[in-house]
Amino acid sequence: MTCSPPDNLMIHTHRLSSAAACAAALSLAGACLGQPARAADADTLAQARATYAEVNQNSPRMATQRFRARVPGVDYTSAVVAWSDQGALRRLSVTDPDDSGNVLTDLYFTAEGDLVFALRTTQGFKPNGALEVRNEHRLYFQQGRLVHMLAGLSRTAL
């Protein structure tokens, strides 16, 4: 794996080496999205929505770290952005380029470091070359497990 993340990337308030930060970013962005689902309650969904709103509202004042990462065996390099607040990772965004657009994965964490929401969108190109969101998946987590998923939400006319 080739990457050059900042040396001080924090995940769950633990300091990670550069290699570990790359591995954590990419594994969180891909692997956690395939967990088996279980029943979600309204509080779980409300917490995820509240965390999403809080992080997006406060992200301009959060510390931002940008780096590029590459998984062995793939032909592209991922762009990674991490937002942290008081040393805790709050949002991790990974953009993977694709021949026909981009795949974006945004992971949202509580102040305690718990993953509560993942948004994965696929972008494609319009005939004029502009990007448009074509598909999205929303995944809700509780205690490290996927509890609710809205998948394949088409954003473009068929």
C-alpha atoms as a PDB file:
ATOM      1  CA  MET A   1       0.000   0.000   0.000  1.00  0.00           C
ATOM      2  CA  THR A   2       1.394   3.396  -0.938  1.00  0.00           C
ATOM      3  CA  CYS A   3       0.119   6.438   0.842  1.00  0.00           C
ATOM      4  CA  SER A   4       1.219   9.517   2.670  1.00  0.00           C
ATOM      5  CA  PRO A   5      -1.311  10.382   5.369  1.00  0.00           C
ATOM      6  CA  PRO A   6      -0.431  12.766   8.167  1.00  0.00           C
ATOM      7  CA  ASP A   7       1.371  11.157  11.084  1.00  0.00           C
ATOM      8  CA  ASN A   8      -1.195  12.359  13.591  1.00  0.00           C
ATOM      9  CA  LEU A   9      -4.404  10.848  12.169  1.00  0.00           C
ATOM     10  CA  MET A  10      -6.573   9.787  15.096  1.00  0.00           C
ATOM     11  CA  ILE A  11      -9.150   7.009  14.928  1.00  0.00           C
ATOM     12  CA  HIS A  12     -11.044   6.165  18.104  1.00  0.00           C
ATOM     13  CA  THR A  13      -8.567   8.486  19.874  1.00  0.00           C
ATOM     14  CA  HIS A  14      -5.630   6.124  19.197  1.00  0.00           C
ATOM     15  CA  ARG A  15      -2.586   7.417  17.358  1.00  0.00           C
ATOM     16  CA  LEU A  16      -1.932   5.488  14.156  1.00  0.00           C
ATOM     17  CA  SER A  17       1.196   5.130  12.079  1.00  0.00           C
ATOM     18  CA  SER A  18       1.015   6.284   8.454  1.00  0.00           C
ATOM     19  CA  ALA A  19       0.568   2.733   7.179  1.00  0.00           C
ATOM     20  CA  ALA A  20      -2.065   1.971   9.799  1.00  0.00           C
ATOM     21  CA  ALA A  21      -3.938   5.182   8.986  1.00  0.00           C
ATOM     22  CA  CYS A  22      -4.084   4.190   5.309  1.00  0.00           C
ATOM     23  CA  ALA A  23      -5.262   0.693   6.132  1.00  0.00           C
ATOM     24  CA  ALA A  24      -7.886   2.004   8.550  1.00  0.00           C
ATOM     25  CA  ALA A  25      -9.220   4.562   6.091  1.00  0.00           C
ATOM     26  CA  LEU A  26      -9.588   2.117   3.234  1.00  0.00           C
ATOM     27  CA  SER A  27     -10.847  -0.809   5.268  1.00  0.00           C
ATOM     28  CA  LEU A  28     -13.445   1.348   7.002  1.00  0.00           C
ATOM     29  CA  ALA A  29     -14.583   2.750   3.680  1.00  0.00           C
ATOM     30  CA  GLY A  30     -15.037  -0.657   2.058  1.00  0.00           C
ATOM     31  CA  ALA A  31     -15.175  -3.544   4.484  1.00  0.00           C
ATOM     32  CA  CYS A  32     -17.623  -2.198   7.047  1.00  0.00           C
ATOM     33  CA  LEU A  33     -20.243  -1.722   4.350  1.00  0.00           C
ATOM     34  CA  GLY A  34     -20.696  -5.471   3.941  1.00  0.00           C
ATOM     35  CA  GLN A  35     -21.714  -6.417   7.481  1.00  0.00           C
ATOM     36  CA  PRO A  36     -24.940  -8.331   8.107  1.00  0.00           C
ATOM     37  CA  ALA A  37     -27.870  -6.114   9.058  1.00  0.00           C
ATOM     38  CA  ARG A  38     -30.070  -6.415  12.116  1.00  0.00           C
ATOM     39  CA  ALA A  39     -33.142  -4.497  13.246  1.00  0.00           C
ATOM     40  CA  ALA A  40     -32.744  -0.769  13.862  1.00  0.00           C
ATOM     41  CA  ASP A  41     -34.798   1.247  16.291  1.00  0.00           C
ATOM     42  CA  ALA A  42     -35.858   4.864  15.852  1.00  0.00           C
ATOM     43  CA  ASP A  43     -33.231   6.072  18.351  1.00  0.00           C
ATOM     44  CA  THR A  44     -30.421   4.542  16.284  1.00  0.00           C
ATOM     45  CA  LEU A  45     -31.587   6.278  13.120  1.00  0.00           C
ATOM     46  CA  ALA A  46     -32.127   9.537  14.996  1.00  0.00           C
ATOM     47  CA  GLN A  47     -28.609   9.380  16.467  1.00  0.00           C
ATOM     48  CA  ALA A  48     -27.105   8.795  13.035  1.00  0.00           C
ATOM     49  CA  ARG A  49     -29.057  11.687  11.538  1.00  0.00           C
ATOM     50  CA  ALA A  50     -28.094  13.978  14.428  1.00  0.00           C
ATOM     51  CA  THR A  51     -24.413  13.026  14.089  1.00  0.00           C
ATOM     52  CA  TYR A  52     -24.540  13.609  10.327  1.00  0.00           C
ATOM     53  CA  ALA A  53     -26.081  17.071  10.813  1.00  0.00           C
ATOM     54  CA  GLU A  54     -23.700  18.008  13.655  1.00  0.00           C
ATOM     55  CA  VAL A  55     -20.561  16.955  11.796  1.00  0.00           C
ATOM     56  CA  ASN A  56     -21.569  18.697   8.570  1.00  0.00           C
ATOM     57  CA  GLN A  57     -22.515  21.878  10.445  1.00  0.00           C
ATOM     58  CA  ASN A  58     -19.284  21.960  12.475  1.00  0.00           C
ATOM     59  CA  SER A  59     -16.862  20.679   9.822  1.00  0.00           C
ATOM     60  CA  PRO A  60     -15.602  24.183   8.896  1.00  0.00           C
ATOM     61  CA  ARG A  61     -14.044  24.523  12.378  1.00  0.00           C
ATOM     62  CA  MET A  62     -12.709  20.962  12.569  1.00  0.00           C
ATOM     63  CA  ALA A  63      -9.137  19.949  11.845  1.00  0.00           C
ATOM     64  CA  THR A  64      -8.832  18.533   8.329  1.00  0.00           C
ATOM     65  CA  GLN A  65      -6.220  16.081   7.103  1.00  0.00           C
ATOM     66  CA  ARG A  66      -5.882  15.098   3.451  1.00  0.00           C
ATOM     67  CA  PHE A  67      -3.847  12.291   1.972  1.00  0.00           C
ATOM     68  CA  ARG A  68      -3.802   9.816  -0.888  1.00  0.00           C
ATOM     69  CA  ALA A  69      -3.858   6.053  -0.453  1.00  0.00           C
ATOM     70  CA  ARG A  70      -3.532   3.108  -2.779  1.00  0.00           C
ATOM     71  CA  VAL A  71      -4.579  -0.482  -2.252  1.00  0.00           C
ATOM     72  CA  PRO A  72      -2.253  -3.048  -3.867  1.00  0.00           C
ATOM     73  CA  GLY A  73      -3.648  -4.520  -7.056  1.00  0.00           C
ATOM     74  CA  VAL A  74      -5.819  -1.578  -8.108  1.00  0.00           C
ATOM     75  CA  ASP A  75      -5.036   0.938 -10.831  1.00  0.00           C
ATOM     76  CA  TYR A  76      -6.186   4.053  -8.997  1.00  0.00           C
ATOM     77  CA  THR A  77      -5.270   6.128  -5.961  1.00  0.00           C
ATOM     78  CA  SER A  78      -7.943   7.111  -3.450  1.00  0.00           C
ATOM     79  CA  ALA A  79      -8.265  10.647  -2.133  1.00  0.00           C
ATOM     80  CA  VAL A  80      -8.931  10.599   1.619  1.00  0.00           C
ATOM     81  CA  VAL A  81     -10.060  13.457   3.869  1.00  0.00           C
ATOM     82  CA  ALA A  82     -10.409  13.101   7.640  1.00  0.00           C
ATOM     83  CA  TRP A  83     -12.199  15.627   9.861  1.00  0.00           C
ATOM     84  CA  SER A  84     -11.423  15.512  13.570  1.00  0.00           C
ATOM     85  CA  ASP A  85     -12.699  17.452  16.559  1.00  0.00           C
ATOM     86  CA  GLN A  86     -10.710  17.576  19.798  1.00  0.00           C
ATOM     87  CA  GLY A  87      -8.631  14.592  18.690  1.00  0.00           C
ATOM     88  CA  ALA A  88     -11.577  12.367  17.728  1.00  0.00           C
ATOM     89  CA  LEU A  89     -12.247  11.325  14.134  1.00  0.00           C
ATOM     90  CA  ARG A  90     -15.726  12.564  13.166  1.00  0.00           C
ATOM     91  CA  ARG A  91     -15.849  12.046   9.395  1.00  0.00           C
ATOM     92  CA  LEU A  92     -13.782  10.108   6.903  1.00  0.00           C
ATOM     93  CA  SER A  93     -14.317  10.665   3.171  1.00  0.00           C
ATOM     94  CA  VAL A  94     -12.790   8.424   0.512  1.00  0.00           C
ATOM     95  CA  THR A  95     -13.086   9.204  -3.202  1.00  0.00           C
ATOM     96  CA  ASP A  96     -12.265   6.377  -5.593  1.00  0.00           C
ATOM     97  CA  PRO A  97     -12.018   7.373  -9.254  1.00  0.00           C
ATOM     98  CA  ASP A  98     -13.799   5.206 -11.796  1.00  0.00           C
ATOM     99  CA  ASP A  99     -13.787   5.148 -15.590  1.00  0.00           C
ATOM    100  CA  SER A 100     -17.300   6.545 -15.649  1.00  0.00           C
ATOM    101  CA  GLY A 101     -17.173   8.860 -12.598  1.00  0.00           C
ATOM    102  CA  ASN A 102     -16.332   8.497  -8.903  1.00  0.00           C
ATOM    103  CA  VAL A 103     -17.382   6.376  -5.944  1.00  0.00           C
ATOM    104  CA  LEU A 104     -17.556   8.452  -2.761  1.00  0.00           C
ATOM    105  CA  THR A 105     -17.760   6.935   0.717  1.00  0.00           C
ATOM    106  CA  ASP A 106     -18.397   9.154   3.753  1.00  0.00           C
ATOM    107  CA  LEU A 107     -18.222   7.627   7.225  1.00  0.00           C
ATOM    108  CA  TYR A 108     -19.623   9.531  10.226  1.00  0.00           C
ATOM    109  CA  PHE A 109     -18.539   8.939  13.828  1.00  0.00           C
ATOM    110  CA  THR A 110     -19.899  10.092  17.194  1.00  0.00           C
ATOM    111  CA  ALA A 111     -17.655  12.161  19.481  1.00  0.00           C
ATOM    112  CA  GLU A 112     -16.901   8.856  21.267  1.00  0.00           C
ATOM    113  CA  GLY A 113     -15.603   7.318  18.036  1.00  0.00           C
ATOM    114  CA  ASP A 114     -18.531   5.044  17.163  1.00  0.00           C
ATOM    115  CA  LEU A 115     -19.368   4.607  13.472  1.00  0.00           C
ATOM    116  CA  VAL A 116     -23.074   5.484  13.106  1.00  0.00           C
ATOM    117  CA  PHE A 117     -23.613   6.316   9.433  1.00  0.00           C
ATOM    118  CA  ALA A 118     -22.068   5.647   6.027  1.00  0.00           C
ATOM    119  CA  LEU A 119     -23.116   7.278   2.788  1.00  0.00           C
ATOM    120  CA  ARG A 120     -21.824   5.751  -0.437  1.00  0.00           C
ATOM    121  CA  THR A 121     -22.610   7.543  -3.682  1.00  0.00           C
ATOM    122  CA  THR A 122     -21.746   6.770  -7.272  1.00  0.00           C
ATOM    123  CA  GLN A 123     -21.211   9.690  -9.603  1.00  0.00           C
ATOM    124  CA  GLY A 124     -21.347   9.536 -13.359  1.00  0.00           C
ATOM    125  CA  PHE A 125     -20.783  11.959 -16.192  1.00  0.00           C
ATOM    126  CA  LYS A 126     -23.567  13.768 -18.012  1.00  0.00           C
ATOM    127  CA  PRO A 127     -23.213  14.135 -21.815  1.00  0.00           C
ATOM    128  CA  ASN A 128     -21.807  17.657 -21.217  1.00  0.00           C
ATOM    129  CA  GLY A 129     -19.100  16.233 -18.919  1.00  0.00           C
ATOM    130  CA  ALA A 130     -20.592  17.433 -15.626  1.00  0.00           C
ATOM    131  CA  LEU A 131     -20.775  14.982 -12.691  1.00  0.00           C
ATOM    132  CA  GLU A 132     -24.131  13.810 -11.337  1.00  0.00           C
ATOM    133  CA  VAL A 133     -25.025  11.473  -8.468  1.00  0.00           C
ATOM    134  CA  ARG A 134     -26.461   8.313  -9.996  1.00  0.00           C
ATOM    135  CA  ASN A 135     -26.881   5.991  -7.042  1.00  0.00           C
ATOM    136  CA  GLU A 136     -26.557   6.106  -3.273  1.00  0.00           C
ATOM    137  CA  HIS A 137     -26.515   3.726  -0.331  1.00  0.00           C
ATOM    138  CA  ARG A 138     -27.236   4.798   3.251  1.00  0.00           C
ATOM    139  CA  LEU A 139     -26.036   2.527   6.020  1.00  0.00           C
ATOM    140  CA  TYR A 140     -26.815   2.943   9.716  1.00  0.00           C
ATOM    141  CA  PHE A 141     -24.696   1.344  12.469  1.00  0.00           C
ATOM    142  CA  GLN A 142     -25.163   0.594  16.150  1.00  0.00           C
ATOM    143  CA  GLN A 143     -22.428  -0.837  18.378  1.00  0.00           C
ATOM    144  CA  GLY A 144     -20.267  -1.614  15.355  1.00  0.00           C
ATOM    145  CA  ARG A 145     -22.952  -3.528  13.445  1.00  0.00           C
ATOM    146  CA  LEU A 146     -25.007  -2.588  10.416  1.00  0.00           C
ATOM    147  CA  VAL A 147     -28.617  -2.212  11.586  1.00  0.00           C
ATOM    148  CA  HIS A 148     -30.391  -0.483   8.693  1.00  0.00           C
ATOM    149  CA  MET A 149     -29.629  -0.045   5.018  1.00  0.00           C
ATOM    150  CA  LEU A 150     -31.226   1.893   2.191  1.00  0.00           C
ATOM    151  CA  ALA A 151     -29.486   0.627  -0.916  1.00  0.00           C
ATOM    152  CA  GLY A 152     -29.597   1.407  -4.594  1.00  0.00           C
ATOM    153  CA  LEU A 153     -31.439   4.691  -4.274  1.00  0.00           C
ATOM    154  CA  SER A 154     -31.439   5.768  -7.897  1.00  0.00           C
ATOM    155  CA  ARG A 155     -30.882   9.479  -8.389  1.00  0.00           C
ATOM    156  CA  THR A 156     -31.174   9.516 -12.181  1.00  0.00           C
ATOM    157  CA  ALA A 157     -33.962   8.831 -14.608  1.00  0.00           C
ATOM    158  CA  LEU A 158     -33.901   5.380 -16.151  1.00  0.00           C
END
